[in-house]
Amino acid sequence: MTADPKPKPSRLGRGLSALIGEVEGVGGYEDAPESAPRADASTIAIKDIRANPQQPRRHFAEAELAELAESIKAKGVLQAILVRPDPKDAGKYQIVAGERRWRAAKQAGLTEIPATIRNMDELELLEIGIIENVQRTDLNPIEEAEAYGALMKRFGRTQEGLAESVGKSRAHIANTLRLLNLSETARGHLREGRISAGHARAALGAPDPDAVVAMAVTKGLSVREVEKLVKNAKDEGSIEAVAKRVAANEKDVDTEALEADLSRTLGLDVDIRHKANGGELRIKYSDLEQLDDLCRRLTAKRSS
């Protein structure tokens, strides 16, 4: 009885090209050279190919797919996709890299597509899918965070190991994973681009991140404004208190027009804060020369 062969060393963490042996099918069609697919690629019926169940990318822009489909109609598929034999369905294949080309080829009406076949385990399947999309910035922040989380939970990867594999800093991995603490509602805003990852990370420091995210979306707040909002929420105990104060300080059209008139007259920024029992008029200057000029303007009539 022969001893089991030693497991081959992992190819992960060496960059995408080294991972899959410089095969075509990694880059996008738009980056493909004007040449036919490599000779070692096979032609496989599109109906025998399945999408990668571990594909981190969930959203494919319809406009981009339509544009790629038109290119494929005109020139064919110039880069082979990368597939592995389907472990649960003999004679079928799972996509490892190139799902966008496969979808566009189907949309273009093709029945076959060039593909390079490789045997890969589940870890390689997931990690290559992540690396391909991360290197091409195809994942939204939540898809990226969920992909990293899957690698850590299912395969015991560490943040340091992930950073090496995908070519990102450990700080980037850690900050991205923090997004998994968002609620599904907040994740939806981030997926759809209504807030950025910076907004989301800042909101996570608040007592009620969902309320902060909702306010950021409704009012179109910048990341700096969200950070300030979170700081105020911590100081005042709740986001509701801050929201009421912000609402109370919102200005009507007449107040904003008066601010603009005074600013033009004085040549300085003017801030009117009107309340039920009075208010404040703030005039902002940047140096002593501006202050002296303002004082002369204000006292000129009295001294004349």
C-alpha atoms as a PDB file:
ATOM      1  CA  MET A   1       0.000   0.000   0.000  1.00  0.00           C
ATOM      2  CA  THR A   2       1.563   3.262  -1.073  1.00  0.00           C
ATOM      3  CA  ALA A   3       1.626   6.257   1.191  1.00  0.00           C
ATOM      4  CA  ASP A   4      -0.614   9.138   0.348  1.00  0.00           C
ATOM      5  CA  PRO A   5       1.243  11.779  -1.593  1.00  0.00           C
ATOM      6  CA  LYS A   6       2.123  14.898   0.310  1.00  0.00           C
ATOM      7  CA  PRO A   7      -0.354  17.676  -0.265  1.00  0.00           C
ATOM      8  CA  LYS A   8       0.931  20.150  -2.769  1.00  0.00           C
ATOM      9  CA  PRO A   9       1.831  23.545  -1.334  1.00  0.00           C
ATOM     10  CA  SER A  10      -0.841  26.210  -1.590  1.00  0.00           C
ATOM     11  CA  ARG A  11      -0.607  28.451  -4.633  1.00  0.00           C
ATOM     12  CA  LEU A  12      -2.629  31.110  -2.872  1.00  0.00           C
ATOM     13  CA  GLY A  13      -1.239  34.490  -1.962  1.00  0.00           C
ATOM     14  CA  ARG A  14       1.092  34.807  -4.953  1.00  0.00           C
ATOM     15  CA  GLY A  15      -0.977  37.180  -7.070  1.00  0.00           C
ATOM     16  CA  LEU A  16      -3.704  36.288  -9.515  1.00  0.00           C
ATOM     17  CA  SER A  17      -1.490  35.533 -12.518  1.00  0.00           C
ATOM     18  CA  ALA A  18       0.665  33.084 -10.546  1.00  0.00           C
ATOM     19  CA  LEU A  19      -2.414  31.540  -8.976  1.00  0.00           C
ATOM     20  CA  ILE A  20      -3.875  30.330 -12.213  1.00  0.00           C
ATOM     21  CA  GLY A  21      -0.805  29.962 -14.374  1.00  0.00           C
ATOM     22  CA  GLU A  22      -1.191  33.062 -16.532  1.00  0.00           C
ATOM     23  CA  VAL A  23      -4.272  31.627 -18.195  1.00  0.00           C
ATOM     24  CA  GLU A  24      -6.554  33.800 -20.237  1.00  0.00           C
ATOM     25  CA  GLY A  25      -9.895  34.339 -18.636  1.00  0.00           C
ATOM     26  CA  VAL A  26      -8.665  36.351 -15.709  1.00  0.00           C
ATOM     27  CA  GLY A  27      -8.777  39.818 -17.136  1.00  0.00           C
ATOM     28  CA  GLY A  28     -11.839  41.381 -18.704  1.00  0.00           C
ATOM     29  CA  TYR A  29     -12.698  41.125 -22.394  1.00  0.00           C
ATOM     30  CA  GLU A  30     -11.932  44.805 -22.791  1.00  0.00           C
ATOM     31  CA  ASP A  31      -8.286  44.091 -21.852  1.00  0.00           C
ATOM     32  CA  ALA A  32      -7.926  41.170 -24.216  1.00  0.00           C
ATOM     33  CA  PRO A  33      -5.344  41.244 -27.020  1.00  0.00           C
ATOM     34  CA  GLU A  34      -6.587  41.120 -30.578  1.00  0.00           C
ATOM     35  CA  SER A  35      -5.804  37.425 -30.939  1.00  0.00           C
ATOM     36  CA  ALA A  36      -7.531  34.088 -30.721  1.00  0.00           C
ATOM     37  CA  PRO A  37      -7.847  32.231 -27.381  1.00  0.00           C
ATOM     38  CA  ARG A  38      -4.837  30.228 -26.295  1.00  0.00           C
ATOM     39  CA  ALA A  39      -4.371  26.804 -27.796  1.00  0.00           C
ATOM     40  CA  ASP A  40      -4.768  25.037 -24.433  1.00  0.00           C
ATOM     41  CA  ALA A  41      -8.320  26.356 -24.066  1.00  0.00           C
ATOM     42  CA  SER A  42     -11.222  24.017 -24.807  1.00  0.00           C
ATOM     43  CA  THR A  43     -14.533  24.925 -26.397  1.00  0.00           C
ATOM     44  CA  ILE A  44     -17.397  24.138 -24.024  1.00  0.00           C
ATOM     45  CA  ALA A  45     -21.133  24.389 -24.544  1.00  0.00           C
ATOM     46  CA  ILE A  46     -22.481  27.382 -22.647  1.00  0.00           C
ATOM     47  CA  LYS A  47     -25.382  25.281 -21.358  1.00  0.00           C
ATOM     48  CA  ASP A  48     -22.901  22.982 -19.588  1.00  0.00           C
ATOM     49  CA  ILE A  49     -21.370  25.831 -17.579  1.00  0.00           C
ATOM     50  CA  ARG A  50     -22.706  27.043 -14.241  1.00  0.00           C
ATOM     51  CA  ALA A  51     -22.002  30.291 -12.410  1.00  0.00           C
ATOM     52  CA  ASN A  52     -19.552  30.143  -9.525  1.00  0.00           C
ATOM     53  CA  PRO A  53     -21.610  29.510  -6.356  1.00  0.00           C
ATOM     54  CA  GLN A  54     -18.871  31.303  -4.392  1.00  0.00           C
ATOM     55  CA  GLN A  55     -18.804  34.333  -6.715  1.00  0.00           C
ATOM     56  CA  PRO A  56     -18.339  37.362  -4.455  1.00  0.00           C
ATOM     57  CA  ARG A  57     -19.745  39.700  -7.067  1.00  0.00           C
ATOM     58  CA  ARG A  58     -23.553  39.725  -7.033  1.00  0.00           C
ATOM     59  CA  HIS A  59     -24.304  42.732  -9.223  1.00  0.00           C
ATOM     60  CA  PHE A  60     -23.543  42.890 -12.943  1.00  0.00           C
ATOM     61  CA  ALA A  61     -24.430  46.185 -14.638  1.00  0.00           C
ATOM     62  CA  GLU A  62     -26.848  45.517 -17.464  1.00  0.00           C
ATOM     63  CA  ALA A  63     -25.470  48.344 -19.623  1.00  0.00           C
ATOM     64  CA  GLU A  64     -21.936  46.951 -19.377  1.00  0.00           C
ATOM     65  CA  LEU A  65     -23.136  43.433 -20.202  1.00  0.00           C
ATOM     66  CA  ALA A  66     -25.035  44.720 -23.242  1.00  0.00           C
ATOM     67  CA  GLU A  67     -21.949  46.589 -24.472  1.00  0.00           C
ATOM     68  CA  LEU A  68     -19.780  43.509 -23.995  1.00  0.00           C
ATOM     69  CA  ALA A  69     -22.350  41.331 -25.765  1.00  0.00           C
ATOM     70  CA  GLU A  70     -22.198  43.619 -28.801  1.00  0.00           C
ATOM     71  CA  SER A  71     -18.393  43.365 -28.842  1.00  0.00           C
ATOM     72  CA  ILE A  72     -18.613  39.580 -28.640  1.00  0.00           C
ATOM     73  CA  LYS A  73     -21.086  39.497 -31.532  1.00  0.00           C
ATOM     74  CA  ALA A  74     -18.580  41.438 -33.624  1.00  0.00           C
ATOM     75  CA  LYS A  75     -15.297  39.779 -32.602  1.00  0.00           C
ATOM     76  CA  GLY A  76     -16.144  36.667 -30.611  1.00  0.00           C
ATOM     77  CA  VAL A  77     -14.744  35.807 -27.176  1.00  0.00           C
ATOM     78  CA  LEU A  78     -11.044  36.640 -27.401  1.00  0.00           C
ATOM     79  CA  GLN A  79     -10.133  35.433 -23.901  1.00  0.00           C
ATOM     80  CA  ALA A  80     -11.022  32.036 -22.521  1.00  0.00           C
ATOM     81  CA  ILE A  81     -12.843  31.878 -19.230  1.00  0.00           C
ATOM     82  CA  LEU A  82     -11.488  29.690 -16.407  1.00  0.00           C
ATOM     83  CA  VAL A  83     -13.634  26.772 -15.199  1.00  0.00           C
ATOM     84  CA  ARG A  84     -13.375  23.696 -13.020  1.00  0.00           C
ATOM     85  CA  PRO A  85     -15.293  20.399 -13.315  1.00  0.00           C
ATOM     86  CA  ASP A  86     -18.522  20.623 -11.326  1.00  0.00           C
ATOM     87  CA  PRO A  87     -17.960  18.356  -8.286  1.00  0.00           C
ATOM     88  CA  LYS A  88     -21.682  17.552  -8.071  1.00  0.00           C
ATOM     89  CA  ASP A  89     -22.629  17.175 -11.721  1.00  0.00           C
ATOM     90  CA  ALA A  90     -20.461  15.055 -14.046  1.00  0.00           C
ATOM     91  CA  GLY A  91     -19.854  16.614 -17.440  1.00  0.00           C
ATOM     92  CA  LYS A  92     -20.704  20.099 -16.205  1.00  0.00           C
ATOM     93  CA  TYR A  93     -18.418  22.963 -15.194  1.00  0.00           C
ATOM     94  CA  GLN A  94     -18.310  25.810 -12.695  1.00  0.00           C
ATOM     95  CA  ILE A  95     -16.884  29.228 -13.561  1.00  0.00           C
ATOM     96  CA  VAL A  96     -13.795  30.223 -11.600  1.00  0.00           C
ATOM     97  CA  ALA A  97     -13.071  33.482 -13.453  1.00  0.00           C
ATOM     98  CA  GLY A  98     -14.803  35.197 -16.362  1.00  0.00           C
ATOM     99  CA  GLU A  99     -18.480  35.105 -15.380  1.00  0.00           C
ATOM    100  CA  ARG A 100     -19.115  38.480 -17.002  1.00  0.00           C
ATOM    101  CA  ARG A 101     -17.855  37.174 -20.363  1.00  0.00           C
ATOM    102  CA  TRP A 102     -19.979  34.033 -19.980  1.00  0.00           C
ATOM    103  CA  ARG A 103     -23.111  36.088 -19.279  1.00  0.00           C
ATOM    104  CA  ALA A 104     -22.396  38.411 -22.213  1.00  0.00           C
ATOM    105  CA  ALA A 105     -21.740  35.448 -24.529  1.00  0.00           C
ATOM    106  CA  LYS A 106     -25.131  33.994 -23.619  1.00  0.00           C
ATOM    107  CA  GLN A 107     -26.714  37.386 -24.222  1.00  0.00           C
ATOM    108  CA  ALA A 108     -24.968  37.565 -27.601  1.00  0.00           C
ATOM    109  CA  GLY A 109     -26.562  34.256 -28.583  1.00  0.00           C
ATOM    110  CA  LEU A 110     -23.400  32.092 -28.528  1.00  0.00           C
ATOM    111  CA  THR A 111     -23.802  28.383 -27.800  1.00  0.00           C
ATOM    112  CA  GLU A 112     -20.121  27.686 -27.041  1.00  0.00           C
ATOM    113  CA  ILE A 113     -17.314  29.553 -25.321  1.00  0.00           C
ATOM    114  CA  PRO A 114     -13.540  28.968 -25.046  1.00  0.00           C
ATOM    115  CA  ALA A 115     -12.585  27.838 -21.540  1.00  0.00           C
ATOM    116  CA  THR A 116      -9.489  26.653 -19.693  1.00  0.00           C
ATOM    117  CA  ILE A 117     -10.278  23.738 -17.373  1.00  0.00           C
ATOM    118  CA  ARG A 118      -8.485  23.448 -14.022  1.00  0.00           C
ATOM    119  CA  ASN A 119      -9.084  21.207 -11.012  1.00  0.00           C
ATOM    120  CA  MET A 120      -9.505  23.399  -7.940  1.00  0.00           C
ATOM    121  CA  ASP A 121     -10.762  22.969  -4.402  1.00  0.00           C
ATOM    122  CA  GLU A 122     -13.342  25.164  -2.675  1.00  0.00           C
ATOM    123  CA  LEU A 123     -10.756  27.465  -1.091  1.00  0.00           C
ATOM    124  CA  GLU A 124      -9.032  28.157  -4.414  1.00  0.00           C
ATOM    125  CA  LEU A 125     -12.415  28.682  -6.085  1.00  0.00           C
ATOM    126  CA  LEU A 126     -13.470  31.301  -3.552  1.00  0.00           C
ATOM    127  CA  GLU A 127     -10.129  33.049  -3.220  1.00  0.00           C
ATOM    128  CA  ILE A 128      -9.492  33.361  -6.949  1.00  0.00           C
ATOM    129  CA  GLY A 129     -12.979  34.797  -7.366  1.00  0.00           C
ATOM    130  CA  ILE A 130     -12.219  37.378  -4.694  1.00  0.00           C
ATOM    131  CA  ILE A 131      -8.775  38.263  -6.021  1.00  0.00           C
ATOM    132  CA  GLU A 132      -9.998  38.666  -9.587  1.00  0.00           C
ATOM    133  CA  ASN A 133     -12.763  41.041  -8.556  1.00  0.00           C
ATOM    134  CA  VAL A 134     -10.737  42.955  -5.970  1.00  0.00           C
ATOM    135  CA  GLN A 135      -7.864  43.545  -8.378  1.00  0.00           C
ATOM    136  CA  ARG A 136     -10.307  44.820 -10.974  1.00  0.00           C
ATOM    137  CA  THR A 137     -12.311  46.788  -8.334  1.00  0.00           C
ATOM    138  CA  ASP A 138     -15.495  45.026  -9.435  1.00  0.00           C
ATOM    139  CA  LEU A 139     -16.853  44.424  -5.920  1.00  0.00           C
ATOM    140  CA  ASN A 140     -18.852  46.944  -3.956  1.00  0.00           C
ATOM    141  CA  PRO A 141     -17.638  47.362  -0.330  1.00  0.00           C
ATOM    142  CA  ILE A 142     -20.246  44.988   1.115  1.00  0.00           C
ATOM    143  CA  GLU A 143     -19.502  42.248  -1.426  1.00  0.00           C
ATOM    144  CA  GLU A 144     -15.813  42.595  -0.601  1.00  0.00           C
ATOM    145  CA  ALA A 145     -16.476  42.444   3.156  1.00  0.00           C
ATOM    146  CA  GLU A 146     -18.729  39.388   2.813  1.00  0.00           C
ATOM    147  CA  ALA A 147     -16.121  37.638   0.661  1.00  0.00           C
ATOM    148  CA  TYR A 148     -13.381  38.237   3.246  1.00  0.00           C
ATOM    149  CA  GLY A 149     -15.730  37.096   5.995  1.00  0.00           C
ATOM    150  CA  ALA A 150     -16.457  33.857   4.133  1.00  0.00           C
ATOM    151  CA  LEU A 151     -12.751  33.103   3.737  1.00  0.00           C
ATOM    152  CA  MET A 152     -12.169  33.644   7.451  1.00  0.00           C
ATOM    153  CA  LYS A 153     -15.229  31.760   8.669  1.00  0.00           C
ATOM    154  CA  ARG A 154     -15.208  28.818   6.295  1.00  0.00           C
ATOM    155  CA  PHE A 155     -11.511  28.343   5.714  1.00  0.00           C
ATOM    156  CA  GLY A 156      -9.877  29.764   8.815  1.00  0.00           C
ATOM    157  CA  ARG A 157      -7.949  32.476   7.013  1.00  0.00           C
ATOM    158  CA  THR A 158      -6.434  35.261   9.125  1.00  0.00           C
ATOM    159  CA  GLN A 159      -6.493  38.955   8.318  1.00  0.00           C
ATOM    160  CA  GLU A 160      -2.746  38.827   7.693  1.00  0.00           C
ATOM    161  CA  GLY A 161      -3.167  35.889   5.306  1.00  0.00           C
ATOM    162  CA  LEU A 162      -5.984  37.634   3.463  1.00  0.00           C
ATOM    163  CA  ALA A 163      -3.948  40.802   3.098  1.00  0.00           C
ATOM    164  CA  GLU A 164      -1.121  38.839   1.492  1.00  0.00           C
ATOM    165  CA  SER A 165      -3.440  36.909  -0.818  1.00  0.00           C
ATOM    166  CA  VAL A 166      -5.405  39.831  -2.205  1.00  0.00           C
ATOM    167  CA  GLY A 167      -2.598  42.376  -2.203  1.00  0.00           C
ATOM    168  CA  LYS A 168      -4.218  44.736   0.306  1.00  0.00           C
ATOM    169  CA  SER A 169      -2.980  46.103   3.621  1.00  0.00           C
ATOM    170  CA  ARG A 170      -4.096  44.488   6.855  1.00  0.00           C
ATOM    171  CA  ALA A 171      -5.707  47.808   7.831  1.00  0.00           C
ATOM    172  CA  HIS A 172      -7.783  47.713   4.636  1.00  0.00           C
ATOM    173  CA  ILE A 173      -8.926  44.158   5.424  1.00  0.00           C
ATOM    174  CA  ALA A 174      -9.818  45.096   9.018  1.00  0.00           C
ATOM    175  CA  ASN A 175     -11.712  48.256   7.982  1.00  0.00           C
ATOM    176  CA  THR A 176     -13.601  46.373   5.278  1.00  0.00           C
ATOM    177  CA  LEU A 177     -14.599  43.579   7.672  1.00  0.00           C
ATOM    178  CA  ARG A 178     -16.053  46.200  10.049  1.00  0.00           C
ATOM    179  CA  LEU A 179     -18.786  46.787   7.466  1.00  0.00           C
ATOM    180  CA  LEU A 180     -20.244  43.384   8.357  1.00  0.00           C
ATOM    181  CA  ASN A 181     -21.454  44.980  11.608  1.00  0.00           C
ATOM    182  CA  LEU A 182     -23.943  47.072   9.639  1.00  0.00           C
ATOM    183  CA  SER A 183     -27.610  46.140   9.574  1.00  0.00           C
ATOM    184  CA  GLU A 184     -29.079  44.802   6.354  1.00  0.00           C
ATOM    185  CA  THR A 185     -30.797  48.140   5.761  1.00  0.00           C
ATOM    186  CA  ALA A 186     -27.503  50.033   6.026  1.00  0.00           C
ATOM    187  CA  ARG A 187     -25.782  47.422   3.850  1.00  0.00           C
ATOM    188  CA  GLY A 188     -28.415  48.031   1.206  1.00  0.00           C
ATOM    189  CA  HIS A 189     -27.631  51.758   1.136  1.00  0.00           C
ATOM    190  CA  LEU A 190     -23.943  50.931   0.737  1.00  0.00           C
ATOM    191  CA  ARG A 191     -24.570  48.331  -1.997  1.00  0.00           C
ATOM    192  CA  GLU A 192     -26.627  50.820  -3.987  1.00  0.00           C
ATOM    193  CA  GLY A 193     -24.044  53.575  -3.624  1.00  0.00           C
ATOM    194  CA  ARG A 194     -26.213  55.923  -1.569  1.00  0.00           C
ATOM    195  CA  ILE A 195     -23.392  56.099   1.000  1.00  0.00           C
ATOM    196  CA  SER A 196     -19.694  55.262   0.783  1.00  0.00           C
ATOM    197  CA  ALA A 197     -17.635  52.891   2.896  1.00  0.00           C
ATOM    198  CA  GLY A 198     -16.293  55.996   4.680  1.00  0.00           C
ATOM    199  CA  HIS A 199     -19.825  57.014   5.673  1.00  0.00           C
ATOM    200  CA  ALA A 200     -20.539  53.499   6.902  1.00  0.00           C
ATOM    201  CA  ARG A 201     -17.378  53.164   9.004  1.00  0.00           C
ATOM    202  CA  ALA A 202     -18.023  56.552  10.608  1.00  0.00           C
ATOM    203  CA  ALA A 203     -21.634  55.596  11.381  1.00  0.00           C
ATOM    204  CA  LEU A 204     -20.510  52.422  13.128  1.00  0.00           C
ATOM    205  CA  GLY A 205     -19.038  54.577  15.904  1.00  0.00           C
ATOM    206  CA  ALA A 206     -22.473  55.945  16.827  1.00  0.00           C
ATOM    207  CA  PRO A 207     -24.871  54.557  19.467  1.00  0.00           C
ATOM    208  CA  ASP A 208     -27.377  53.969  16.644  1.00  0.00           C
ATOM    209  CA  PRO A 209     -25.567  53.478  13.301  1.00  0.00           C
ATOM    210  CA  ASP A 210     -28.830  52.950  11.384  1.00  0.00           C
ATOM    211  CA  ALA A 211     -30.119  56.384  12.400  1.00  0.00           C
ATOM    212  CA  VAL A 212     -26.848  57.998  11.308  1.00  0.00           C
ATOM    213  CA  VAL A 213     -26.895  56.204   7.948  1.00  0.00           C
ATOM    214  CA  ALA A 214     -30.533  57.209   7.396  1.00  0.00           C
ATOM    215  CA  MET A 215     -29.685  60.853   8.107  1.00  0.00           C
ATOM    216  CA  ALA A 216     -26.632  60.703   5.840  1.00  0.00           C
ATOM    217  CA  VAL A 217     -28.775  59.360   2.983  1.00  0.00           C
ATOM    218  CA  THR A 218     -31.669  61.790   3.539  1.00  0.00           C
ATOM    219  CA  LYS A 219     -29.538  64.908   3.897  1.00  0.00           C
ATOM    220  CA  GLY A 220     -26.688  63.916   1.567  1.00  0.00           C
ATOM    221  CA  LEU A 221     -24.096  64.373   4.312  1.00  0.00           C
ATOM    222  CA  SER A 222     -20.377  64.179   3.585  1.00  0.00           C
ATOM    223  CA  VAL A 223     -18.121  61.754   5.473  1.00  0.00           C
ATOM    224  CA  ARG A 224     -16.774  64.660   7.566  1.00  0.00           C
ATOM    225  CA  GLU A 225     -20.319  65.692   8.449  1.00  0.00           C
ATOM    226  CA  VAL A 226     -21.164  62.136   9.490  1.00  0.00           C
ATOM    227  CA  GLU A 227     -18.046  61.997  11.670  1.00  0.00           C
ATOM    228  CA  LYS A 228     -19.102  65.239  13.350  1.00  0.00           C
ATOM    229  CA  LEU A 229     -22.650  63.942  13.745  1.00  0.00           C
ATOM    230  CA  VAL A 230     -21.377  60.792  15.459  1.00  0.00           C
ATOM    231  CA  LYS A 231     -19.189  62.821  17.817  1.00  0.00           C
ATOM    232  CA  ASN A 232     -22.134  65.024  18.769  1.00  0.00           C
ATOM    233  CA  ALA A 233     -24.331  61.952  19.260  1.00  0.00           C
ATOM    234  CA  LYS A 234     -21.811  60.541  21.724  1.00  0.00           C
ATOM    235  CA  ASP A 235     -21.663  63.856  23.593  1.00  0.00           C
ATOM    236  CA  GLU A 236     -25.425  64.320  23.720  1.00  0.00           C
ATOM    237  CA  GLY A 237     -26.382  60.703  24.342  1.00  0.00           C
ATOM    238  CA  SER A 238     -28.481  59.958  21.250  1.00  0.00           C
ATOM    239  CA  ILE A 239     -28.760  60.692  17.578  1.00  0.00           C
ATOM    240  CA  GLU A 240     -32.354  61.814  18.125  1.00  0.00           C
ATOM    241  CA  ALA A 241     -31.173  64.787  20.189  1.00  0.00           C
ATOM    242  CA  VAL A 242     -28.717  65.768  17.479  1.00  0.00           C
ATOM    243  CA  ALA A 243     -31.358  65.340  14.777  1.00  0.00           C
ATOM    244  CA  LYS A 244     -33.758  67.666  16.599  1.00  0.00           C
ATOM    245  CA  ARG A 245     -31.048  70.276  17.005  1.00  0.00           C
ATOM    246  CA  VAL A 246     -30.059  70.001  13.346  1.00  0.00           C
ATOM    247  CA  ALA A 247     -33.698  70.341  12.287  1.00  0.00           C
ATOM    248  CA  ALA A 248     -34.109  73.385  14.541  1.00  0.00           C
ATOM    249  CA  ASN A 249     -31.096  75.027  12.928  1.00  0.00           C
ATOM    250  CA  GLU A 250     -32.259  74.518   9.354  1.00  0.00           C
ATOM    251  CA  LYS A 251     -32.768  77.859   7.605  1.00  0.00           C
ATOM    252  CA  ASP A 252     -35.593  79.022   5.399  1.00  0.00           C
ATOM    253  CA  VAL A 253     -35.101  80.629   2.003  1.00  0.00           C
ATOM    254  CA  ASP A 254     -35.509  84.188   3.338  1.00  0.00           C
ATOM    255  CA  THR A 255     -32.801  83.685   5.978  1.00  0.00           C
ATOM    256  CA  GLU A 256     -30.397  82.243   3.426  1.00  0.00           C
ATOM    257  CA  ALA A 257     -31.093  85.176   1.067  1.00  0.00           C
ATOM    258  CA  LEU A 258     -30.404  87.686   3.867  1.00  0.00           C
ATOM    259  CA  GLU A 259     -27.118  85.900   4.660  1.00  0.00           C
ATOM    260  CA  ALA A 260     -26.115  86.140   1.003  1.00  0.00           C
ATOM    261  CA  ASP A 261     -26.934  89.900   0.849  1.00  0.00           C
ATOM    262  CA  LEU A 262     -24.941  90.669   3.992  1.00  0.00           C
ATOM    263  CA  SER A 263     -22.018  88.539   2.772  1.00  0.00           C
ATOM    264  CA  ARG A 264     -21.869  90.472  -0.496  1.00  0.00           C
ATOM    265  CA  THR A 265     -22.041  93.812   1.316  1.00  0.00           C
ATOM    266  CA  LEU A 266     -19.381  92.990   3.901  1.00  0.00           C
ATOM    267  CA  GLY A 267     -17.218  90.710   1.784  1.00  0.00           C
ATOM    268  CA  LEU A 268     -17.264  88.179   4.637  1.00  0.00           C
ATOM    269  CA  ASP A 269     -19.143  84.984   5.458  1.00  0.00           C
ATOM    270  CA  VAL A 270     -22.315  85.646   7.465  1.00  0.00           C
ATOM    271  CA  ASP A 271     -24.215  83.093   9.532  1.00  0.00           C
ATOM    272  CA  ILE A 272     -27.689  83.934  10.902  1.00  0.00           C
ATOM    273  CA  ARG A 273     -29.009  81.618  13.618  1.00  0.00           C
ATOM    274  CA  HIS A 274     -32.612  82.535  14.344  1.00  0.00           C
ATOM    275  CA  LYS A 275     -34.544  81.003  17.232  1.00  0.00           C
ATOM    276  CA  ALA A 276     -37.985  81.525  18.760  1.00  0.00           C
ATOM    277  CA  ASN A 277     -36.666  83.931  21.407  1.00  0.00           C
ATOM    278  CA  GLY A 278     -34.011  85.719  19.363  1.00  0.00           C
ATOM    279  CA  GLY A 279     -30.892  84.584  17.646  1.00  0.00           C
ATOM    280  CA  GLU A 280     -27.315  85.305  16.621  1.00  0.00           C
ATOM    281  CA  LEU A 281     -25.587  87.030  13.735  1.00  0.00           C
ATOM    282  CA  ARG A 282     -22.086  85.636  13.162  1.00  0.00           C
ATOM    283  CA  ILE A 283     -19.611  87.331  10.854  1.00  0.00           C
ATOM    284  CA  LYS A 284     -16.506  85.311  10.074  1.00  0.00           C
ATOM    285  CA  TYR A 285     -13.126  86.889   9.326  1.00  0.00           C
ATOM    286  CA  SER A 286      -9.838  85.185   8.456  1.00  0.00           C
ATOM    287  CA  ASP A 287      -7.280  87.753   9.654  1.00  0.00           C
ATOM    288  CA  LEU A 288      -6.906  90.975  11.646  1.00  0.00           C
ATOM    289  CA  GLU A 289      -6.990  93.102   8.502  1.00  0.00           C
ATOM    290  CA  GLN A 290     -10.509  91.858   7.735  1.00  0.00           C
ATOM    291  CA  LEU A 291     -11.522  92.488  11.354  1.00  0.00           C
ATOM    292  CA  ASP A 292     -10.181  96.054  11.242  1.00  0.00           C
ATOM    293  CA  ASP A 293     -12.044  96.711   7.989  1.00  0.00           C
ATOM    294  CA  LEU A 294     -15.271  95.356   9.501  1.00  0.00           C
ATOM    295  CA  CYS A 295     -14.858  97.543  12.590  1.00  0.00           C
ATOM    296  CA  ARG A 296     -14.335 100.625  10.400  1.00  0.00           C
ATOM    297  CA  ARG A 297     -17.517  99.815   8.475  1.00  0.00           C
ATOM    298  CA  LEU A 298     -19.550  99.359  11.659  1.00  0.00           C
ATOM    299  CA  THR A 299     -18.274 102.522  13.361  1.00  0.00           C
ATOM    300  CA  ALA A 300     -18.033 104.808  10.325  1.00  0.00           C
ATOM    301  CA  LYS A 301     -21.566 106.233  10.619  1.00  0.00           C
ATOM    302  CA  ARG A 302     -21.239 106.857  14.371  1.00  0.00           C
ATOM    303  CA  SER A 303     -17.947 108.749  13.997  1.00  0.00           C
ATOM    304  CA  SER A 304     -19.103 110.900  11.077  1.00  0.00           C
END
